[in-house]
Amino acid sequence: MHQIQFVFNKQVIFHSEWLPILTHRDRTKFKSMFCQIWYEFSKLTHYKYPPLPSYGPSMHNEIITNYDKPSYYLACSETFNTTSIELTTRPLTKSTSHATPVHIQFYFDHHLIFCSQTQLQHLESDELHFVLSFILQKLMN
């Protein structure tokens, strides 16, 4: 099965091996859940970030995507078997944007493992929405 991991500030906060995915049906449910989350997030952000192309091994064995911005570093490495997302924040000053950002939270069981409102509070709304859309799309691919 395809493995997905999400590393936030050098700490693994999510890995698909932690989920009880035993069958193809379980995997489909997991992907469907992230598709629905991304769809709802996209509606709230007015579809600003269109779907990214999903990985398909054609000519290359790996696709690497990097976004190196003053307030964050976002990277993704995709192979046929693994997707690894890395997000490192670079706190500068608190956001001065007047737009109301859309936030997400990830829980694993009853434990909050990621909260964009507290952990990404220094990002401007557009940066925040781009980062969250990117992560959600990679989790559903």
N, C-alpha and C. Protein backbone atom coordinates (compact mmCIF):
# COMPACT_ATOMS: atom_id res chain seq x y z
N MET A 1 0.83 -1.18 0.00
CA MET A 1 0.00 0.00 0.00
C MET A 1 0.88 1.25 0.00
N HIS A 2 0.36 2.29 -0.58
CA HIS A 2 1.04 3.58 -0.64
C HIS A 2 1.10 4.18 0.77
N GLN A 3 2.29 4.59 1.18
CA GLN A 3 2.49 5.17 2.51
C GLN A 3 2.60 6.68 2.39
N ILE A 4 2.02 7.38 3.37
CA ILE A 4 2.06 8.84 3.41
C ILE A 4 2.55 9.26 4.79
N GLN A 5 3.48 10.21 4.79
CA GLN A 5 3.90 10.77 6.07
C GLN A 5 3.92 12.28 5.97
N PHE A 6 3.64 12.92 7.11
CA PHE A 6 3.64 14.38 7.19
C PHE A 6 4.55 14.76 8.34
N VAL A 7 5.60 15.52 8.01
CA VAL A 7 6.59 15.98 8.98
C VAL A 7 6.41 17.48 9.16
N PHE A 8 6.17 17.89 10.39
CA PHE A 8 5.99 19.30 10.69
C PHE A 8 7.08 19.74 11.66
N ASN A 9 7.88 20.71 11.24
CA ASN A 9 9.00 21.21 12.05
C ASN A 9 9.86 20.07 12.59
N LYS A 10 10.27 19.20 11.66
CA LYS A 10 11.20 18.09 11.94
C LYS A 10 10.62 16.98 12.82
N GLN A 11 9.31 16.95 13.00
CA GLN A 11 8.68 15.91 13.80
C GLN A 11 7.58 15.24 12.97
N VAL A 12 7.60 13.92 12.92
CA VAL A 12 6.56 13.18 12.20
C VAL A 12 5.28 13.30 13.01
N ILE A 13 4.27 13.94 12.42
CA ILE A 13 3.01 14.08 13.13
C ILE A 13 1.93 13.18 12.56
N PHE A 14 2.17 12.64 11.36
CA PHE A 14 1.21 11.71 10.77
C PHE A 14 1.94 10.72 9.89
N HIS A 15 1.55 9.48 10.00
CA HIS A 15 2.04 8.44 9.08
C HIS A 15 0.88 7.48 8.84
N SER A 16 0.65 7.15 7.59
CA SER A 16 -0.49 6.31 7.25
C SER A 16 -0.41 4.91 7.87
N GLU A 17 0.78 4.48 8.27
CA GLU A 17 0.89 3.19 8.95
C GLU A 17 0.19 3.19 10.30
N TRP A 18 -0.06 4.35 10.85
CA TRP A 18 -0.75 4.44 12.14
C TRP A 18 -2.24 4.14 12.02
N LEU A 19 -2.75 4.19 10.78
CA LEU A 19 -4.18 3.97 10.56
C LEU A 19 -4.48 2.49 10.38
N PRO A 20 -5.66 2.07 10.77
CA PRO A 20 -6.03 0.66 10.59
C PRO A 20 -6.45 0.36 9.15
N ILE A 21 -5.52 0.50 8.23
CA ILE A 21 -5.78 0.23 6.82
C ILE A 21 -5.30 -1.19 6.52
N LEU A 22 -6.25 -2.09 6.37
CA LEU A 22 -5.91 -3.50 6.13
C LEU A 22 -6.31 -3.97 4.74
N THR A 23 -7.28 -3.29 4.15
CA THR A 23 -7.78 -3.72 2.85
C THR A 23 -7.82 -2.53 1.89
N HIS A 24 -8.06 -2.84 0.65
CA HIS A 24 -8.21 -1.78 -0.35
C HIS A 24 -9.42 -0.91 -0.02
N ARG A 25 -10.45 -1.51 0.52
CA ARG A 25 -11.65 -0.75 0.90
C ARG A 25 -11.31 0.26 2.01
N ASP A 26 -10.51 -0.15 2.99
CA ASP A 26 -10.08 0.77 4.05
C ASP A 26 -9.31 1.94 3.45
N ARG A 27 -8.43 1.65 2.53
CA ARG A 27 -7.63 2.70 1.87
C ARG A 27 -8.53 3.66 1.11
N THR A 28 -9.53 3.12 0.42
CA THR A 28 -10.47 3.94 -0.33
C THR A 28 -11.25 4.86 0.60
N LYS A 29 -11.66 4.36 1.76
CA LYS A 29 -12.36 5.19 2.74
C LYS A 29 -11.47 6.34 3.22
N PHE A 30 -10.22 6.02 3.50
CA PHE A 30 -9.26 7.03 3.95
C PHE A 30 -9.09 8.11 2.88
N LYS A 31 -8.88 7.70 1.65
CA LYS A 31 -8.70 8.67 0.56
C LYS A 31 -9.97 9.50 0.35
N SER A 32 -11.10 8.84 0.44
CA SER A 32 -12.38 9.53 0.28
C SER A 32 -12.58 10.60 1.35
N MET A 33 -12.17 10.29 2.58
CA MET A 33 -12.28 11.24 3.67
C MET A 33 -11.45 12.49 3.37
N PHE A 34 -10.20 12.32 2.91
CA PHE A 34 -9.37 13.48 2.59
C PHE A 34 -9.87 14.22 1.35
N CYS A 35 -10.46 13.51 0.42
CA CYS A 35 -11.06 14.19 -0.75
C CYS A 35 -12.20 15.10 -0.29
N GLN A 36 -13.03 14.60 0.62
CA GLN A 36 -14.14 15.40 1.13
C GLN A 36 -13.64 16.61 1.91
N ILE A 37 -12.61 16.41 2.74
CA ILE A 37 -12.03 17.53 3.50
C ILE A 37 -11.48 18.58 2.53
N TRP A 38 -10.73 18.15 1.51
CA TRP A 38 -10.17 19.10 0.55
C TRP A 38 -11.29 19.83 -0.20
N TYR A 39 -12.33 19.10 -0.57
CA TYR A 39 -13.45 19.71 -1.29
C TYR A 39 -14.12 20.80 -0.43
N GLU A 40 -14.39 20.49 0.83
CA GLU A 40 -15.01 21.47 1.73
C GLU A 40 -14.08 22.65 1.97
N PHE A 41 -12.79 22.38 2.15
CA PHE A 41 -11.81 23.45 2.32
C PHE A 41 -11.79 24.34 1.07
N SER A 42 -11.82 23.73 -0.09
CA SER A 42 -11.81 24.48 -1.36
C SER A 42 -13.04 25.36 -1.50
N LYS A 43 -14.19 24.86 -1.09
CA LYS A 43 -15.40 25.68 -1.13
C LYS A 43 -15.24 26.91 -0.23
N LEU A 44 -14.70 26.71 0.96
CA LEU A 44 -14.54 27.82 1.91
C LEU A 44 -13.50 28.84 1.44
N THR A 45 -12.53 28.39 0.65
CA THR A 45 -11.50 29.30 0.13
C THR A 45 -11.79 29.71 -1.32
N HIS A 46 -13.01 29.47 -1.75
CA HIS A 46 -13.50 29.89 -3.07
C HIS A 46 -12.70 29.28 -4.22
N TYR A 47 -12.30 28.03 -4.06
CA TYR A 47 -11.61 27.26 -5.11
C TYR A 47 -10.38 27.98 -5.66
N LYS A 48 -9.67 28.64 -4.79
CA LYS A 48 -8.51 29.42 -5.23
C LYS A 48 -7.35 28.55 -5.74
N TYR A 49 -7.22 27.35 -5.16
CA TYR A 49 -6.10 26.48 -5.55
C TYR A 49 -6.63 25.23 -6.23
N PRO A 50 -6.47 25.15 -7.54
CA PRO A 50 -7.01 24.00 -8.29
C PRO A 50 -6.26 22.71 -7.92
N PRO A 51 -6.84 21.57 -8.24
CA PRO A 51 -6.19 20.30 -7.92
C PRO A 51 -4.80 20.19 -8.57
N LEU A 52 -3.88 19.65 -7.79
CA LEU A 52 -2.53 19.40 -8.30
C LEU A 52 -2.53 18.09 -9.08
N PRO A 53 -1.65 17.96 -10.05
CA PRO A 53 -1.56 16.67 -10.73
C PRO A 53 -1.07 15.61 -9.74
N SER A 54 -1.66 14.43 -9.80
CA SER A 54 -1.23 13.37 -8.90
C SER A 54 -0.04 12.64 -9.52
N TYR A 55 0.72 11.99 -8.65
CA TYR A 55 1.92 11.30 -9.09
C TYR A 55 1.54 10.10 -9.94
N GLY A 56 2.22 9.95 -11.04
CA GLY A 56 2.06 8.79 -11.89
C GLY A 56 3.41 8.43 -12.47
N PRO A 57 3.94 7.27 -12.10
CA PRO A 57 5.29 6.93 -12.59
C PRO A 57 5.29 6.75 -14.11
N SER A 58 5.85 7.71 -14.78
CA SER A 58 5.93 7.60 -16.24
C SER A 58 7.40 7.54 -16.63
N MET A 59 8.03 8.69 -16.71
CA MET A 59 9.44 8.71 -17.10
C MET A 59 10.37 8.74 -15.91
N HIS A 60 9.87 9.13 -14.76
CA HIS A 60 10.73 9.32 -13.59
C HIS A 60 10.23 8.46 -12.43
N ASN A 61 11.12 8.13 -11.52
CA ASN A 61 10.77 7.33 -10.35
C ASN A 61 10.33 8.17 -9.18
N GLU A 62 10.62 9.47 -9.22
CA GLU A 62 10.31 10.32 -8.08
C GLU A 62 10.02 11.74 -8.57
N ILE A 63 9.06 12.37 -7.89
CA ILE A 63 8.76 13.78 -8.14
C ILE A 63 9.01 14.51 -6.82
N ILE A 64 9.80 15.57 -6.89
CA ILE A 64 10.11 16.38 -5.71
C ILE A 64 9.61 17.79 -5.96
N THR A 65 8.85 18.31 -5.01
CA THR A 65 8.30 19.65 -5.08
C THR A 65 8.80 20.44 -3.88
N ASN A 66 9.31 21.65 -4.10
CA ASN A 66 9.81 22.49 -3.03
C ASN A 66 9.24 23.90 -3.15
N TYR A 67 8.84 24.46 -2.02
CA TYR A 67 8.45 25.86 -1.92
C TYR A 67 9.25 26.44 -0.76
N ASP A 68 10.19 27.30 -1.09
CA ASP A 68 11.05 27.90 -0.07
C ASP A 68 10.70 29.39 0.02
N LYS A 69 9.88 29.71 1.01
CA LYS A 69 9.39 31.08 1.19
C LYS A 69 9.97 31.65 2.48
N PRO A 70 9.91 32.97 2.67
CA PRO A 70 10.45 33.55 3.90
C PRO A 70 9.79 33.02 5.18
N SER A 71 8.51 32.68 5.11
CA SER A 71 7.82 32.25 6.33
C SER A 71 7.65 30.73 6.46
N TYR A 72 7.98 29.97 5.41
CA TYR A 72 7.87 28.52 5.51
C TYR A 72 8.69 27.83 4.42
N TYR A 73 8.96 26.56 4.68
CA TYR A 73 9.58 25.68 3.67
C TYR A 73 8.65 24.48 3.56
N LEU A 74 8.17 24.22 2.36
CA LEU A 74 7.26 23.11 2.10
C LEU A 74 7.86 22.24 1.02
N ALA A 75 8.00 20.96 1.30
CA ALA A 75 8.57 20.04 0.33
C ALA A 75 7.74 18.76 0.30
N CYS A 76 7.73 18.14 -0.86
CA CYS A 76 7.03 16.88 -1.01
C CYS A 76 7.83 15.99 -1.95
N SER A 77 8.04 14.76 -1.52
CA SER A 77 8.71 13.76 -2.33
C SER A 77 7.71 12.64 -2.57
N GLU A 78 7.49 12.32 -3.85
CA GLU A 78 6.51 11.29 -4.20
C GLU A 78 7.14 10.21 -5.06
N THR A 79 6.93 8.99 -4.65
CA THR A 79 7.30 7.83 -5.46
C THR A 79 6.06 6.97 -5.60
N PHE A 80 6.22 5.84 -6.25
CA PHE A 80 5.09 4.94 -6.43
C PHE A 80 4.57 4.44 -5.08
N ASN A 81 5.46 4.24 -4.10
CA ASN A 81 5.07 3.67 -2.81
C ASN A 81 4.93 4.67 -1.67
N THR A 82 5.49 5.87 -1.81
CA THR A 82 5.58 6.77 -0.67
C THR A 82 5.33 8.23 -1.08
N THR A 83 4.62 8.94 -0.22
CA THR A 83 4.51 10.40 -0.31
C THR A 83 4.98 10.94 1.03
N SER A 84 5.96 11.82 0.98
CA SER A 84 6.49 12.42 2.20
C SER A 84 6.36 13.93 2.08
N ILE A 85 5.62 14.51 3.01
CA ILE A 85 5.39 15.96 3.04
C ILE A 85 6.15 16.53 4.23
N GLU A 86 6.89 17.59 3.98
CA GLU A 86 7.65 18.24 5.05
C GLU A 86 7.31 19.72 5.06
N LEU A 87 6.90 20.20 6.23
CA LEU A 87 6.60 21.62 6.41
C LEU A 87 7.41 22.13 7.59
N THR A 88 8.22 23.16 7.33
CA THR A 88 9.00 23.81 8.37
C THR A 88 8.63 25.28 8.37
N THR A 89 8.22 25.77 9.53
CA THR A 89 7.83 27.17 9.61
C THR A 89 9.02 28.03 10.03
N ARG A 90 8.96 29.24 9.60
CA ARG A 90 9.97 30.24 9.94
C ARG A 90 9.23 31.45 10.50
N PRO A 91 8.96 31.43 11.78
CA PRO A 91 8.17 32.52 12.36
C PRO A 91 8.83 33.88 12.16
N LEU A 92 8.11 34.74 11.54
CA LEU A 92 8.57 36.12 11.36
C LEU A 92 7.73 36.99 12.27
N THR A 93 6.84 37.72 11.69
CA THR A 93 5.92 38.52 12.49
C THR A 93 4.52 37.95 12.31
N LYS A 94 3.67 38.29 13.22
CA LYS A 94 2.29 37.82 13.13
C LYS A 94 1.62 38.42 11.90
N SER A 95 0.74 37.64 11.31
CA SER A 95 0.02 38.04 10.12
C SER A 95 -0.72 39.36 10.33
N THR A 96 -0.68 40.20 9.30
CA THR A 96 -1.39 41.47 9.36
C THR A 96 -2.58 41.48 8.40
N SER A 97 -2.85 40.36 7.79
CA SER A 97 -3.94 40.26 6.84
C SER A 97 -5.28 40.44 7.55
N HIS A 98 -6.21 41.11 6.88
CA HIS A 98 -7.53 41.32 7.44
C HIS A 98 -8.52 40.26 6.98
N ALA A 99 -8.10 39.40 6.06
CA ALA A 99 -8.97 38.33 5.60
C ALA A 99 -9.09 37.26 6.68
N THR A 100 -10.26 36.67 6.78
CA THR A 100 -10.48 35.62 7.76
C THR A 100 -9.99 34.30 7.19
N PRO A 101 -8.97 33.72 7.79
CA PRO A 101 -8.43 32.47 7.25
C PRO A 101 -9.31 31.26 7.61
N VAL A 102 -9.21 30.24 6.79
CA VAL A 102 -9.88 28.96 7.04
C VAL A 102 -8.82 28.04 7.63
N HIS A 103 -9.14 27.44 8.77
CA HIS A 103 -8.17 26.60 9.47
C HIS A 103 -8.61 25.14 9.46
N ILE A 104 -7.64 24.26 9.68
CA ILE A 104 -7.94 22.84 9.82
C ILE A 104 -7.22 22.30 11.06
N GLN A 105 -7.74 21.20 11.56
CA GLN A 105 -7.12 20.48 12.67
C GLN A 105 -7.09 19.01 12.31
N PHE A 106 -6.01 18.33 12.68
CA PHE A 106 -5.90 16.88 12.53
C PHE A 106 -5.87 16.25 13.91
N TYR A 107 -6.76 15.32 14.11
CA TYR A 107 -6.77 14.55 15.35
C TYR A 107 -6.42 13.11 15.02
N PHE A 108 -5.66 12.51 15.88
CA PHE A 108 -5.41 11.08 15.81
C PHE A 108 -5.96 10.51 17.10
N ASP A 109 -7.09 9.81 16.97
CA ASP A 109 -7.87 9.37 18.11
C ASP A 109 -8.35 10.64 18.82
N HIS A 110 -8.03 10.83 20.08
CA HIS A 110 -8.46 12.03 20.79
C HIS A 110 -7.35 13.06 20.92
N HIS A 111 -6.25 12.85 20.23
CA HIS A 111 -5.09 13.72 20.36
C HIS A 111 -4.99 14.67 19.17
N LEU A 112 -4.93 15.95 19.47
CA LEU A 112 -4.74 16.96 18.44
C LEU A 112 -3.27 16.91 18.02
N ILE A 113 -3.03 16.60 16.73
CA ILE A 113 -1.65 16.51 16.27
C ILE A 113 -1.25 17.70 15.39
N PHE A 114 -2.25 18.41 14.87
CA PHE A 114 -1.94 19.56 14.03
C PHE A 114 -3.11 20.53 14.08
N CYS A 115 -2.79 21.80 14.32
CA CYS A 115 -3.81 22.86 14.34
C CYS A 115 -3.22 24.05 13.59
N SER A 116 -3.78 24.35 12.44
CA SER A 116 -3.23 25.45 11.64
C SER A 116 -3.42 26.81 12.31
N GLN A 117 -4.44 26.94 13.14
CA GLN A 117 -4.69 28.22 13.79
C GLN A 117 -3.59 28.58 14.78
N THR A 118 -3.05 27.60 15.48
CA THR A 118 -2.00 27.89 16.46
C THR A 118 -0.60 27.67 15.88
N GLN A 119 -0.43 26.63 15.06
CA GLN A 119 0.90 26.29 14.58
C GLN A 119 1.32 27.07 13.33
N LEU A 120 0.36 27.64 12.63
CA LEU A 120 0.68 28.43 11.43
C LEU A 120 0.11 29.84 11.52
N GLN A 121 0.01 30.34 12.73
CA GLN A 121 -0.62 31.64 12.95
C GLN A 121 0.12 32.80 12.31
N HIS A 122 1.40 32.64 12.03
CA HIS A 122 2.18 33.75 11.47
C HIS A 122 2.05 33.84 9.94
N LEU A 123 1.40 32.88 9.31
CA LEU A 123 1.25 32.92 7.85
C LEU A 123 0.10 33.82 7.45
N GLU A 124 0.31 34.56 6.38
CA GLU A 124 -0.77 35.34 5.79
C GLU A 124 -1.84 34.38 5.28
N SER A 125 -3.06 34.87 5.13
CA SER A 125 -4.18 34.00 4.72
C SER A 125 -3.90 33.26 3.42
N ASP A 126 -3.38 33.97 2.41
CA ASP A 126 -3.10 33.31 1.13
C ASP A 126 -2.05 32.22 1.27
N GLU A 127 -0.99 32.50 2.02
CA GLU A 127 0.05 31.49 2.25
C GLU A 127 -0.53 30.29 3.01
N LEU A 128 -1.29 30.57 4.04
CA LEU A 128 -1.91 29.52 4.85
C LEU A 128 -2.79 28.64 3.98
N HIS A 129 -3.65 29.25 3.19
CA HIS A 129 -4.57 28.48 2.35
C HIS A 129 -3.81 27.65 1.31
N PHE A 130 -2.75 28.21 0.74
CA PHE A 130 -1.97 27.44 -0.22
C PHE A 130 -1.34 26.22 0.45
N VAL A 131 -0.70 26.43 1.61
CA VAL A 131 -0.04 25.33 2.32
C VAL A 131 -1.05 24.25 2.70
N LEU A 132 -2.18 24.64 3.24
CA LEU A 132 -3.18 23.66 3.66
C LEU A 132 -3.78 22.92 2.47
N SER A 133 -4.04 23.64 1.38
CA SER A 133 -4.57 22.99 0.19
C SER A 133 -3.55 21.97 -0.36
N PHE A 134 -2.30 22.35 -0.40
CA PHE A 134 -1.23 21.46 -0.88
C PHE A 134 -1.18 20.19 -0.03
N ILE A 135 -1.17 20.35 1.28
CA ILE A 135 -1.09 19.20 2.18
C ILE A 135 -2.29 18.29 2.02
N LEU A 136 -3.47 18.87 1.99
CA LEU A 136 -4.68 18.07 1.84
C LEU A 136 -4.68 17.30 0.52
N GLN A 137 -4.25 17.94 -0.56
CA GLN A 137 -4.22 17.27 -1.85
C GLN A 137 -3.22 16.10 -1.85
N LYS A 138 -2.10 16.29 -1.21
CA LYS A 138 -1.11 15.21 -1.16
C LYS A 138 -1.59 14.07 -0.27
N LEU A 139 -2.34 14.38 0.77
CA LEU A 139 -2.88 13.32 1.62
C LEU A 139 -3.96 12.50 0.91
N MET A 140 -4.65 13.11 -0.04
CA MET A 140 -5.69 12.36 -0.74
C MET A 140 -5.20 11.64 -2.00
N ASN A 141 -4.00 11.95 -2.46
CA ASN A 141 -3.47 11.28 -3.67
C ASN A 141 -2.96 9.88 -3.36
